[in-house]
Amino acid sequence: MSKDLNKLERAIINEIIEFNKQNYPFISKHIPYLSVKFRKTTGVGMYVYFEYSKKGINFEINNFENICLSSDKSLKLDNLKYDINYEINISKGKLDFLELVTNGESWDGSYKTFNFT
């Protein structure tokens, strides 16, 4: 069962889109069709796997990129001492998953607040 993107996931994806819009403008067109297939915590991070809605499953892809993208902003979560690293994996032009990794801290995926700096 798919789930909506949460506030953090949406903010990270929007930050990545904004930072990479000149070289990868197609990414923003995918967002309305995107939902979370499942989330998997690793102990020091989390993977968020995406799926496309029925309308988006046949989404026309003009760019068959296989790439990982991030941004130059740091991401701080209220319950972690250090910033968290993030990137989105794009496979064959579609958003595959979002990876979040701490800098050596244990993390169960929870947070109350976050900000980019």
PDB file of N, CA and C in Angstrom:
ATOM      1  N   MET A   1       0.837  -1.183   0.000  1.00  0.00           N
ATOM      2  CA  MET A   1       0.000   0.000   0.000  1.00  0.00           C
ATOM      3  C   MET A   1       0.880   1.244   0.000  1.00  0.00           C
ATOM      4  N   SER A   2       0.685   2.110  -0.935  1.00  0.00           N
ATOM      5  CA  SER A   2       1.503   3.310  -1.036  1.00  0.00           C
ATOM      6  C   SER A   2       1.063   4.359  -0.016  1.00  0.00           C
ATOM      7  N   LYS A   3       2.004   5.225   0.310  1.00  0.00           N
ATOM      8  CA  LYS A   3       1.775   6.285   1.283  1.00  0.00           C
ATOM      9  C   LYS A   3       2.210   7.609   0.675  1.00  0.00           C
ATOM     10  N   ASP A   4       1.678   8.688   1.215  1.00  0.00           N
ATOM     11  CA  ASP A   4       2.085  10.020   0.773  1.00  0.00           C
ATOM     12  C   ASP A   4       3.495  10.325   1.272  1.00  0.00           C
ATOM     13  N   LEU A   5       4.180  11.172   0.555  1.00  0.00           N
ATOM     14  CA  LEU A   5       5.460  11.683   1.032  1.00  0.00           C
ATOM     15  C   LEU A   5       5.216  12.484   2.300  1.00  0.00           C
ATOM     16  N   ASN A   6       6.097  12.329   3.288  1.00  0.00           N
ATOM     17  CA  ASN A   6       5.942  13.144   4.488  1.00  0.00           C
ATOM     18  C   ASN A   6       6.627  14.502   4.276  1.00  0.00           C
ATOM     19  N   LYS A   7       6.518  15.356   5.253  1.00  0.00           N
ATOM     20  CA  LYS A   7       7.019  16.727   5.131  1.00  0.00           C
ATOM     21  C   LYS A   7       8.525  16.752   4.866  1.00  0.00           C
ATOM     22  N   LEU A   8       9.279  15.923   5.556  1.00  0.00           N
ATOM     23  CA  LEU A   8      10.731  15.865   5.380  1.00  0.00           C
ATOM     24  C   LEU A   8      11.087  15.366   3.983  1.00  0.00           C
ATOM     25  N   GLU A   9      10.477  14.293   3.551  1.00  0.00           N
ATOM     26  CA  GLU A   9      10.760  13.727   2.225  1.00  0.00           C
ATOM     27  C   GLU A   9      10.453  14.733   1.120  1.00  0.00           C
ATOM     28  N   ARG A  10       9.314  15.379   1.240  1.00  0.00           N
ATOM     29  CA  ARG A  10       8.918  16.375   0.237  1.00  0.00           C
ATOM     30  C   ARG A  10       9.905  17.553   0.231  1.00  0.00           C
ATOM     31  N   ALA A  11      10.327  17.994   1.408  1.00  0.00           N
ATOM     32  CA  ALA A  11      11.273  19.113   1.503  1.00  0.00           C
ATOM     33  C   ALA A  11      12.628  18.748   0.894  1.00  0.00           C
ATOM     34  N   ILE A  12      13.091  17.539   1.144  1.00  0.00           N
ATOM     35  CA  ILE A  12      14.371  17.099   0.581  1.00  0.00           C
ATOM     36  C   ILE A  12      14.279  17.019  -0.937  1.00  0.00           C
ATOM     37  N   ILE A  13      13.235  16.413  -1.435  1.00  0.00           N
ATOM     38  CA  ILE A  13      13.073  16.304  -2.888  1.00  0.00           C
ATOM     39  C   ILE A  13      12.980  17.690  -3.522  1.00  0.00           C
ATOM     40  N   ASN A  14      12.235  18.600  -2.906  1.00  0.00           N
ATOM     41  CA  ASN A  14      12.131  19.959  -3.443  1.00  0.00           C
ATOM     42  C   ASN A  14      13.478  20.684  -3.427  1.00  0.00           C
ATOM     43  N   GLU A  15      14.266  20.464  -2.378  1.00  0.00           N
ATOM     44  CA  GLU A  15      15.603  21.063  -2.306  1.00  0.00           C
ATOM     45  C   GLU A  15      16.499  20.508  -3.420  1.00  0.00           C
ATOM     46  N   ILE A  16      16.448  19.212  -3.642  1.00  0.00           N
ATOM     47  CA  ILE A  16      17.243  18.584  -4.702  1.00  0.00           C
ATOM     48  C   ILE A  16      16.800  19.080  -6.075  1.00  0.00           C
ATOM     49  N   ILE A  17      15.498  19.202  -6.264  1.00  0.00           N
ATOM     50  CA  ILE A  17      14.970  19.728  -7.534  1.00  0.00           C
ATOM     51  C   ILE A  17      15.473  21.147  -7.773  1.00  0.00           C
ATOM     52  N   GLU A  18      15.357  21.988  -6.771  1.00  0.00           N
ATOM     53  CA  GLU A  18      15.770  23.388  -6.906  1.00  0.00           C
ATOM     54  C   GLU A  18      17.261  23.489  -7.229  1.00  0.00           C
ATOM     55  N   PHE A  19      18.081  22.726  -6.534  1.00  0.00           N
ATOM     56  CA  PHE A  19      19.533  22.784  -6.734  1.00  0.00           C
ATOM     57  C   PHE A  19      19.944  22.268  -8.113  1.00  0.00           C
ATOM     58  N   ASN A  20      19.218  21.307  -8.643  1.00  0.00           N
ATOM     59  CA  ASN A  20      19.591  20.643  -9.897  1.00  0.00           C
ATOM     60  C   ASN A  20      18.724  21.023 -11.095  1.00  0.00           C
ATOM     61  N   LYS A  21      17.890  22.041 -10.949  1.00  0.00           N
ATOM     62  CA  LYS A  21      16.894  22.340 -11.985  1.00  0.00           C
ATOM     63  C   LYS A  21      17.487  22.736 -13.335  1.00  0.00           C
ATOM     64  N   GLN A  22      18.664  23.302 -13.339  1.00  0.00           N
ATOM     65  CA  GLN A  22      19.251  23.702 -14.613  1.00  0.00           C
ATOM     66  C   GLN A  22      19.680  22.481 -15.438  1.00  0.00           C
ATOM     67  N   ASN A  23      20.266  21.481 -14.794  1.00  0.00           N
ATOM     68  CA  ASN A  23      20.747  20.295 -15.507  1.00  0.00           C
ATOM     69  C   ASN A  23      19.717  19.179 -15.596  1.00  0.00           C
ATOM     70  N   TYR A  24      18.783  19.134 -14.657  1.00  0.00           N
ATOM     71  CA  TYR A  24      17.795  18.048 -14.607  1.00  0.00           C
ATOM     72  C   TYR A  24      16.387  18.603 -14.363  1.00  0.00           C
ATOM     73  N   PRO A  25      15.878  19.413 -15.274  1.00  0.00           N
ATOM     74  CA  PRO A  25      14.567  20.046 -15.057  1.00  0.00           C
ATOM     75  C   PRO A  25      13.395  19.063 -15.076  1.00  0.00           C
ATOM     76  N   PHE A  26      13.585  17.879 -15.617  1.00  0.00           N
ATOM     77  CA  PHE A  26      12.493  16.908 -15.740  1.00  0.00           C
ATOM     78  C   PHE A  26      12.025  16.363 -14.397  1.00  0.00           C
ATOM     79  N   ILE A  27      12.855  16.443 -13.373  1.00  0.00           N
ATOM     80  CA  ILE A  27      12.522  15.815 -12.087  1.00  0.00           C
ATOM     81  C   ILE A  27      11.247  16.392 -11.486  1.00  0.00           C
ATOM     82  N   SER A  28      11.062  17.684 -11.563  1.00  0.00           N
ATOM     83  CA  SER A  28       9.897  18.310 -10.928  1.00  0.00           C
ATOM     84  C   SER A  28       8.580  17.802 -11.510  1.00  0.00           C
ATOM     85  N   LYS A  29       8.580  17.369 -12.753  1.00  0.00           N
ATOM     86  CA  LYS A  29       7.364  16.880 -13.390  1.00  0.00           C
ATOM     87  C   LYS A  29       6.908  15.537 -12.819  1.00  0.00           C
ATOM     88  N   HIS A  30       7.772  14.849 -12.115  1.00  0.00           N
ATOM     89  CA  HIS A  30       7.450  13.534 -11.563  1.00  0.00           C
ATOM     90  C   HIS A  30       6.708  13.604 -10.227  1.00  0.00           C
ATOM     91  N   ILE A  31       6.880  14.683  -9.502  1.00  0.00           N
ATOM     92  CA  ILE A  31       6.382  14.786  -8.128  1.00  0.00           C
ATOM     93  C   ILE A  31       4.883  14.520  -7.977  1.00  0.00           C
ATOM     94  N   PRO A  32       4.014  15.024  -8.835  1.00  0.00           N
ATOM     95  CA  PRO A  32       2.578  14.761  -8.654  1.00  0.00           C
ATOM     96  C   PRO A  32       2.194  13.277  -8.750  1.00  0.00           C
ATOM     97  N   TYR A  33       3.048  12.480  -9.366  1.00  0.00           N
ATOM     98  CA  TYR A  33       2.752  11.053  -9.575  1.00  0.00           C
ATOM     99  C   TYR A  33       3.456  10.147  -8.574  1.00  0.00           C
ATOM    100  N   LEU A  34       4.208  10.730  -7.648  1.00  0.00           N
ATOM    101  CA  LEU A  34       5.070   9.983  -6.751  1.00  0.00           C
ATOM    102  C   LEU A  34       4.407   9.690  -5.413  1.00  0.00           C
ATOM    103  N   SER A  35       4.594   8.459  -4.922  1.00  0.00           N
ATOM    104  CA  SER A  35       4.187   8.107  -3.557  1.00  0.00           C
ATOM    105  C   SER A  35       5.251   7.184  -2.982  1.00  0.00           C
ATOM    106  N   VAL A  36       5.148   6.900  -1.694  1.00  0.00           N
ATOM    107  CA  VAL A  36       6.118   6.057  -1.007  1.00  0.00           C
ATOM    108  C   VAL A  36       5.644   4.617  -1.061  1.00  0.00           C
ATOM    109  N   LYS A  37       6.466   3.774  -1.631  1.00  0.00           N
ATOM    110  CA  LYS A  37       6.180   2.339  -1.666  1.00  0.00           C
ATOM    111  C   LYS A  37       6.436   1.743  -0.284  1.00  0.00           C
ATOM    112  N   PHE A  38       7.639   2.027   0.264  1.00  0.00           N
ATOM    113  CA  PHE A  38       7.938   1.647   1.649  1.00  0.00           C
ATOM    114  C   PHE A  38       9.169   2.393   2.124  1.00  0.00           C
ATOM    115  N   ARG A  39       9.316   2.447   3.457  1.00  0.00           N
ATOM    116  CA  ARG A  39      10.473   3.049   4.101  1.00  0.00           C
ATOM    117  C   ARG A  39      11.226   1.958   4.849  1.00  0.00           C
ATOM    118  N   LYS A  40      12.550   2.020   4.783  1.00  0.00           N
ATOM    119  CA  LYS A  40      13.373   1.016   5.460  1.00  0.00           C
ATOM    120  C   LYS A  40      14.458   1.727   6.260  1.00  0.00           C
ATOM    121  N   THR A  41      14.419   1.568   7.586  1.00  0.00           N
ATOM    122  CA  THR A  41      15.462   2.155   8.426  1.00  0.00           C
ATOM    123  C   THR A  41      16.626   1.175   8.516  1.00  0.00           C
ATOM    124  N   THR A  42      17.838   1.739   8.662  1.00  0.00           N
ATOM    125  CA  THR A  42      19.045   0.912   8.687  1.00  0.00           C
ATOM    126  C   THR A  42      19.777   0.973  10.024  1.00  0.00           C
ATOM    127  N   GLY A  43      19.339   1.826  10.924  1.00  0.00           N
ATOM    128  CA  GLY A  43      20.045   2.027  12.184  1.00  0.00           C
ATOM    129  C   GLY A  43      20.833   3.329  12.177  1.00  0.00           C
ATOM    130  N   VAL A  44      21.396   3.684  11.007  1.00  0.00           N
ATOM    131  CA  VAL A  44      22.112   4.952  10.855  1.00  0.00           C
ATOM    132  C   VAL A  44      21.548   5.760   9.686  1.00  0.00           C
ATOM    133  N   GLY A  45      20.389   5.363   9.214  1.00  0.00           N
ATOM    134  CA  GLY A  45      19.791   6.066   8.087  1.00  0.00           C
ATOM    135  C   GLY A  45      18.469   5.449   7.680  1.00  0.00           C
ATOM    136  N   MET A  46      18.037   5.794   6.475  1.00  0.00           N
ATOM    137  CA  MET A  46      16.764   5.305   5.987  1.00  0.00           C
ATOM    138  C   MET A  46      16.748   5.363   4.463  1.00  0.00           C
ATOM    139  N   TYR A  47      16.079   4.392   3.877  1.00  0.00           N
ATOM    140  CA  TYR A  47      15.770   4.398   2.450  1.00  0.00           C
ATOM    141  C   TYR A  47      14.270   4.604   2.307  1.00  0.00           C
ATOM    142  N   VAL A  48      13.900   5.462   1.376  1.00  0.00           N
ATOM    143  CA  VAL A  48      12.493   5.705   1.061  1.00  0.00           C
ATOM    144  C   VAL A  48      12.310   5.327  -0.407  1.00  0.00           C
ATOM    145  N   TYR A  49      11.626   4.212  -0.639  1.00  0.00           N
ATOM    146  CA  TYR A  49      11.420   3.715  -1.999  1.00  0.00           C
ATOM    147  C   TYR A  49      10.124   4.280  -2.569  1.00  0.00           C
ATOM    148  N   PHE A  50      10.186   4.723  -3.819  1.00  0.00           N
ATOM    149  CA  PHE A  50       9.057   5.376  -4.467  1.00  0.00           C
ATOM    150  C   PHE A  50       8.350   4.455  -5.447  1.00  0.00           C
ATOM    151  N   GLU A  51       7.101   4.809  -5.696  1.00  0.00           N
ATOM    152  CA  GLU A  51       6.345   4.212  -6.794  1.00  0.00           C
ATOM    153  C   GLU A  51       5.516   5.312  -7.425  1.00  0.00           C
ATOM    154  N   TYR A  52       5.096   5.061  -8.646  1.00  0.00           N
ATOM    155  CA  TYR A  52       4.316   6.033  -9.394  1.00  0.00           C
ATOM    156  C   TYR A  52       2.841   5.642  -9.394  1.00  0.00           C
ATOM    157  N   SER A  53       1.981   6.652  -9.402  1.00  0.00           N
ATOM    158  CA  SER A  53       0.539   6.405  -9.484  1.00  0.00           C
ATOM    159  C   SER A  53       0.219   5.790 -10.848  1.00  0.00           C
ATOM    160  N   LYS A  54      -0.998   5.303 -10.995  1.00  0.00           N
ATOM    161  CA  LYS A  54      -1.403   4.715 -12.274  1.00  0.00           C
ATOM    162  C   LYS A  54      -1.274   5.726 -13.405  1.00  0.00           C
ATOM    163  N   LYS A  55      -1.568   6.990 -13.120  1.00  0.00           N
ATOM    164  CA  LYS A  55      -1.408   8.027 -14.142  1.00  0.00           C
ATOM    165  C   LYS A  55       0.066   8.244 -14.469  1.00  0.00           C
ATOM    166  N   GLY A  56       0.919   8.051 -13.488  1.00  0.00           N
ATOM    167  CA  GLY A  56       2.348   8.292 -13.681  1.00  0.00           C
ATOM    168  C   GLY A  56       3.134   7.076 -14.116  1.00  0.00           C
ATOM    169  N   ILE A  57       2.543   5.898 -14.059  1.00  0.00           N
ATOM    170  CA  ILE A  57       3.268   4.670 -14.389  1.00  0.00           C
ATOM    171  C   ILE A  57       3.759   4.691 -15.835  1.00  0.00           C
ATOM    172  N   ASN A  58       3.000   5.316 -16.708  1.00  0.00           N
ATOM    173  CA  ASN A  58       3.404   5.429 -18.111  1.00  0.00           C
ATOM    174  C   ASN A  58       3.882   6.831 -18.439  1.00  0.00           C
ATOM    175  N   PHE A  59       4.332   7.518 -17.422  1.00  0.00           N
ATOM    176  CA  PHE A  59       4.837   8.877 -17.556  1.00  0.00           C
ATOM    177  C   PHE A  59       5.903   8.926 -18.646  1.00  0.00           C
ATOM    178  N   GLU A  60       5.740   9.831 -19.565  1.00  0.00           N
ATOM    179  CA  GLU A  60       6.704   9.935 -20.661  1.00  0.00           C
ATOM    180  C   GLU A  60       8.029  10.457 -20.119  1.00  0.00           C
ATOM    181  N   ILE A  61       9.056   9.674 -20.345  1.00  0.00           N
ATOM    182  CA  ILE A  61      10.381  10.039 -19.862  1.00  0.00           C
ATOM    183  C   ILE A  61      11.242  10.390 -21.060  1.00  0.00           C
ATOM    184  N   ASN A  62      11.693  11.615 -21.107  1.00  0.00           N
ATOM    185  CA  ASN A  62      12.536  12.060 -22.206  1.00  0.00           C
ATOM    186  C   ASN A  62      14.011  11.889 -21.883  1.00  0.00           C
ATOM    187  N   ASN A  63      14.309  11.604 -20.638  1.00  0.00           N
ATOM    188  CA  ASN A  63      15.690  11.521 -20.211  1.00  0.00           C
ATOM    189  C   ASN A  63      15.878  10.219 -19.438  1.00  0.00           C
ATOM    190  N   PHE A  64      16.644   9.311 -19.957  1.00  0.00           N
ATOM    191  CA  PHE A  64      16.840   8.014 -19.319  1.00  0.00           C
ATOM    192  C   PHE A  64      18.099   8.013 -18.459  1.00  0.00           C
ATOM    193  N   GLU A  65      18.188   8.983 -17.586  1.00  0.00           N
ATOM    194  CA  GLU A  65      19.338   9.129 -16.707  1.00  0.00           C
ATOM    195  C   GLU A  65      19.366   8.058 -15.611  1.00  0.00           C
ATOM    196  N   ASN A  66      20.570   7.596 -15.297  1.00  0.00           N
ATOM    197  CA  ASN A  66      20.837   6.800 -14.111  1.00  0.00           C
ATOM    198  C   ASN A  66      21.829   7.625 -13.305  1.00  0.00           C
ATOM    199  N   ILE A  67      21.353   8.242 -12.239  1.00  0.00           N
ATOM    200  CA  ILE A  67      22.179   9.204 -11.522  1.00  0.00           C
ATOM    201  C   ILE A  67      21.690   9.360 -10.083  1.00  0.00           C
ATOM    202  N   CYS A  68      22.591   9.806  -9.220  1.00  0.00           N
ATOM    203  CA  CYS A  68      22.236  10.191  -7.854  1.00  0.00           C
ATOM    204  C   CYS A  68      22.434  11.694  -7.732  1.00  0.00           C
ATOM    205  N   LEU A  69      21.465  12.369  -7.126  1.00  0.00           N
ATOM    206  CA  LEU A  69      21.525  13.815  -6.982  1.00  0.00           C
ATOM    207  C   LEU A  69      21.308  14.229  -5.536  1.00  0.00           C
ATOM    208  N   SER A  70      21.955  15.314  -5.147  1.00  0.00           N
ATOM    209  CA  SER A  70      21.765  15.906  -3.832  1.00  0.00           C
ATOM    210  C   SER A  70      21.758  17.420  -4.009  1.00  0.00           C
ATOM    211  N   SER A  71      22.083  18.149  -2.968  1.00  0.00           N
ATOM    212  CA  SER A  71      22.222  19.598  -3.065  1.00  0.00           C
ATOM    213  C   SER A  71      23.400  20.035  -2.209  1.00  0.00           C
ATOM    214  N   ASP A  72      23.689  21.319  -2.212  1.00  0.00           N
ATOM    215  CA  ASP A  72      24.814  21.824  -1.427  1.00  0.00           C
ATOM    216  C   ASP A  72      24.402  22.290  -0.034  1.00  0.00           C
ATOM    217  N   LYS A  73      23.133  22.111   0.325  1.00  0.00           N
ATOM    218  CA  LYS A  73      22.680  22.533   1.652  1.00  0.00           C
ATOM    219  C   LYS A  73      22.792  21.385   2.660  1.00  0.00           C
ATOM    220  N   SER A  74      23.128  21.755   3.882  1.00  0.00           N
ATOM    221  CA  SER A  74      23.159  20.799   4.986  1.00  0.00           C
ATOM    222  C   SER A  74      21.751  20.631   5.536  1.00  0.00           C
ATOM    223  N   LEU A  75      21.469  19.441   6.022  1.00  0.00           N
ATOM    224  CA  LEU A  75      20.162  19.148   6.611  1.00  0.00           C
ATOM    225  C   LEU A  75      20.350  18.776   8.074  1.00  0.00           C
ATOM    226  N   LYS A  76      19.712  19.529   8.938  1.00  0.00           N
ATOM    227  CA  LYS A  76      19.800  19.316  10.380  1.00  0.00           C
ATOM    228  C   LYS A  76      18.454  18.830  10.906  1.00  0.00           C
ATOM    229  N   LEU A  77      18.475  17.710  11.634  1.00  0.00           N
ATOM    230  CA  LEU A  77      17.288  17.217  12.330  1.00  0.00           C
ATOM    231  C   LEU A  77      17.448  17.524  13.811  1.00  0.00           C
ATOM    232  N   ASP A  78      16.357  17.847  14.472  1.00  0.00           N
ATOM    233  CA  ASP A  78      16.403  18.277  15.868  1.00  0.00           C
ATOM    234  C   ASP A  78      17.000  17.247  16.820  1.00  0.00           C
ATOM    235  N   ASN A  79      16.865  15.970  16.512  1.00  0.00           N
ATOM    236  CA  ASN A  79      17.299  14.937  17.458  1.00  0.00           C
ATOM    237  C   ASN A  79      18.655  14.323  17.118  1.00  0.00           C
ATOM    238  N   LEU A  80      19.376  14.901  16.174  1.00  0.00           N
ATOM    239  CA  LEU A  80      20.711  14.415  15.832  1.00  0.00           C
ATOM    240  C   LEU A  80      21.738  15.514  16.070  1.00  0.00           C
ATOM    241  N   LYS A  81      22.915  15.120  16.519  1.00  0.00           N
ATOM    242  CA  LYS A  81      23.981  16.080  16.795  1.00  0.00           C
ATOM    243  C   LYS A  81      24.565  16.646  15.499  1.00  0.00           C
ATOM    244  N   TYR A  82      24.748  15.786  14.512  1.00  0.00           N
ATOM    245  CA  TYR A  82      25.373  16.185  13.253  1.00  0.00           C
ATOM    246  C   TYR A  82      24.345  16.240  12.119  1.00  0.00           C
ATOM    247  N   ASP A  83      24.727  16.931  11.059  1.00  0.00           N
ATOM    248  CA  ASP A  83      23.874  17.007   9.869  1.00  0.00           C
ATOM    249  C   ASP A  83      23.662  15.614   9.279  1.00  0.00           C
ATOM    250  N   ILE A  84      22.618  15.497   8.489  1.00  0.00           N
ATOM    251  CA  ILE A  84      22.302  14.231   7.829  1.00  0.00           C
ATOM    252  C   ILE A  84      22.584  14.390   6.323  1.00  0.00           C
ATOM    253  N   ASN A  85      23.082  13.350   5.704  1.00  0.00           N
ATOM    254  CA  ASN A  85      23.348  13.355   4.266  1.00  0.00           C
ATOM    255  C   ASN A  85      22.140  12.795   3.535  1.00  0.00           C
ATOM    256  N   TYR A  86      21.903  13.282   2.324  1.00  0.00           N
ATOM    257  CA  TYR A  86      20.738  12.830   1.570  1.00  0.00           C
ATOM    258  C   TYR A  86      21.034  12.856   0.078  1.00  0.00           C
ATOM    259  N   GLU A  87      20.436  11.937  -0.637  1.00  0.00           N
ATOM    260  CA  GLU A  87      20.516  11.917  -2.089  1.00  0.00           C
ATOM    261  C   GLU A  87      19.338  11.138  -2.646  1.00  0.00           C
ATOM    262  N   ILE A  88      19.011  11.458  -3.878  1.00  0.00           N
ATOM    263  CA  ILE A  88      17.937  10.750  -4.553  1.00  0.00           C
ATOM    264  C   ILE A  88      18.556   9.948  -5.692  1.00  0.00           C
ATOM    265  N   ASN A  89      18.101   8.707  -5.822  1.00  0.00           N
ATOM    266  CA  ASN A  89      18.587   7.825  -6.872  1.00  0.00           C
ATOM    267  C   ASN A  89      17.570   7.812  -8.004  1.00  0.00           C
ATOM    268  N   ILE A  90      18.041   8.085  -9.208  1.00  0.00           N
ATOM    269  CA  ILE A  90      17.195   8.077 -10.389  1.00  0.00           C
ATOM    270  C   ILE A  90      17.666   6.950 -11.289  1.00  0.00           C
ATOM    271  N   SER A  91      16.767   6.025 -11.600  1.00  0.00           N
ATOM    272  CA  SER A  91      17.086   4.883 -12.454  1.00  0.00           C
ATOM    273  C   SER A  91      16.222   4.934 -13.698  1.00  0.00           C
ATOM    274  N   LYS A  92      16.859   4.930 -14.840  1.00  0.00           N
ATOM    275  CA  LYS A  92      16.176   4.981 -16.133  1.00  0.00           C
ATOM    276  C   LYS A  92      15.192   6.156 -16.205  1.00  0.00           C
ATOM    277  N   GLY A  93      15.607   7.278 -15.625  1.00  0.00           N
ATOM    278  CA  GLY A  93      14.814   8.494 -15.705  1.00  0.00           C
ATOM    279  C   GLY A  93      13.697   8.613 -14.690  1.00  0.00           C
ATOM    280  N   LYS A  94      13.517   7.612 -13.831  1.00  0.00           N
ATOM    281  CA  LYS A  94      12.467   7.676 -12.807  1.00  0.00           C
ATOM    282  C   LYS A  94      13.084   7.708 -11.419  1.00  0.00           C
ATOM    283  N   LEU A  95      12.416   8.421 -10.513  1.00  0.00           N
ATOM    284  CA  LEU A  95      12.882   8.484  -9.139  1.00  0.00           C
ATOM    285  C   LEU A  95      12.671   7.128  -8.486  1.00  0.00           C
ATOM    286  N   ASP A  96      13.767   6.535  -8.026  1.00  0.00           N
ATOM    287  CA  ASP A  96      13.750   5.186  -7.473  1.00  0.00           C
ATOM    288  C   ASP A  96      13.665   5.216  -5.943  1.00  0.00           C
ATOM    289  N   PHE A  97      14.643   5.872  -5.316  1.00  0.00           N
ATOM    290  CA  PHE A  97      14.605   5.971  -3.857  1.00  0.00           C
ATOM    291  C   PHE A  97      15.379   7.177  -3.374  1.00  0.00           C
ATOM    292  N   LEU A  98      15.071   7.562  -2.132  1.00  0.00           N
ATOM    293  CA  LEU A  98      15.759   8.619  -1.409  1.00  0.00           C
ATOM    294  C   LEU A  98      16.564   7.946  -0.307  1.00  0.00           C
ATOM    295  N   GLU A  99      17.820   8.325  -0.182  1.00  0.00           N
ATOM    296  CA  GLU A  99      18.676   7.764   0.865  1.00  0.00           C
ATOM    297  C   GLU A  99      19.040   8.861   1.849  1.00  0.00           C
ATOM    298  N   LEU A 100      18.851   8.578   3.125  1.00  0.00           N
ATOM    299  CA  LEU A 100      19.223   9.481   4.213  1.00  0.00           C
ATOM    300  C   LEU A 100      20.225   8.744   5.089  1.00  0.00           C
ATOM    301  N   VAL A 101      21.355   9.385   5.406  1.00  0.00           N
ATOM    302  CA  VAL A 101      22.398   8.733   6.201  1.00  0.00           C
ATOM    303  C   VAL A 101      22.943   9.725   7.212  1.00  0.00           C
ATOM    304  N   THR A 102      23.055   9.273   8.450  1.00  0.00           N
ATOM    305  CA  THR A 102      23.665  10.101   9.484  1.00  0.00           C
ATOM    306  C   THR A 102      25.179  10.023   9.355  1.00  0.00           C
ATOM    307  N   ASN A 103      25.852  10.824  10.116  1.00  0.00           N
ATOM    308  CA  ASN A 103      27.316  10.778  10.170  1.00  0.00           C
ATOM    309  C   ASN A 103      27.757   9.980  11.391  1.00  0.00           C
ATOM    310  N   GLY A 104      27.358   8.707  11.409  1.00  0.00           N
ATOM    311  CA  GLY A 104      27.765   7.789  12.465  1.00  0.00           C
ATOM    312  C   GLY A 104      26.846   7.703  13.662  1.00  0.00           C
ATOM    313  N   GLU A 105      25.761   8.453  13.674  1.00  0.00           N
ATOM    314  CA  GLU A 105      24.822   8.422  14.792  1.00  0.00           C
ATOM    315  C   GLU A 105      23.735   7.384  14.546  1.00  0.00           C
ATOM    316  N   SER A 106      23.287   6.758  15.607  1.00  0.00           N
ATOM    317  CA  SER A 106      22.130   5.873  15.501  1.00  0.00           C
ATOM    318  C   SER A 106      20.894   6.728  15.264  1.00  0.00           C
ATOM    319  N   TRP A 107      20.002   6.228  14.390  1.00  0.00           N
ATOM    320  CA  TRP A 107      18.797   6.990  14.076  1.00  0.00           C
ATOM    321  C   TRP A 107      17.701   6.031  13.652  1.00  0.00           C
ATOM    322  N   ASP A 108      16.522   6.213  14.220  1.00  0.00           N
ATOM    323  CA  ASP A 108      15.383   5.340  13.921  1.00  0.00           C
ATOM    324  C   ASP A 108      14.429   5.942  12.897  1.00  0.00           C
ATOM    325  N   GLY A 109      14.804   7.070  12.307  1.00  0.00           N
ATOM    326  CA  GLY A 109      13.961   7.719  11.305  1.00  0.00           C
ATOM    327  C   GLY A 109      13.029   8.777  11.863  1.00  0.00           C
ATOM    328  N   SER A 110      13.012   8.937  13.162  1.00  0.00           N
ATOM    329  CA  SER A 110      12.101   9.913  13.767  1.00  0.00           C
ATOM    330  C   SER A 110      12.740  11.295  13.852  1.00  0.00           C
ATOM    331  N   TYR A 111      11.916  12.306  13.931  1.00  0.00           N
ATOM    332  CA  TYR A 111      12.350  13.689  14.077  1.00  0.00           C
ATOM    333  C   TYR A 111      11.112  14.516  14.418  1.00  0.00           C
ATOM    334  N   LYS A 112      11.336  15.702  14.970  1.00  0.00           N
ATOM    335  CA  LYS A 112      10.235  16.638  15.205  1.00  0.00           C
ATOM    336  C   LYS A 112      10.363  17.824  14.261  1.00  0.00           C
ATOM    337  N   THR A 113      11.569  18.352  14.143  1.00  0.00           N
ATOM    338  CA  THR A 113      11.785  19.488  13.269  1.00  0.00           C
ATOM    339  C   THR A 113      13.065  19.274  12.450  1.00  0.00           C
ATOM    340  N   PHE A 114      13.154  20.017  11.360  1.00  0.00           N
ATOM    341  CA  PHE A 114      14.356  19.961  10.521  1.00  0.00           C
ATOM    342  C   PHE A 114      14.529  21.313   9.855  1.00  0.00           C
ATOM    343  N   ASN A 115      15.763  21.580   9.392  1.00  0.00           N
ATOM    344  CA  ASN A 115      16.012  22.768   8.602  1.00  0.00           C
ATOM    345  C   ASN A 115      17.238  22.575   7.725  1.00  0.00           C
ATOM    346  N   PHE A 116      17.242  23.301   6.611  1.00  0.00           N
ATOM    347  CA  PHE A 116      18.367  23.304   5.683  1.00  0.00           C
ATOM    348  C   PHE A 116      19.203  24.549   5.964  1.00  0.00           C
ATOM    349  N   THR A 117      20.519  24.412   5.903  1.00  0.00           N
ATOM    350  CA  THR A 117      21.409  25.563   6.087  1.00  0.00           C
ATOM    351  C   THR A 117      22.446  25.589   4.987  1.00  0.00           C
TER     352      THR A 117
END
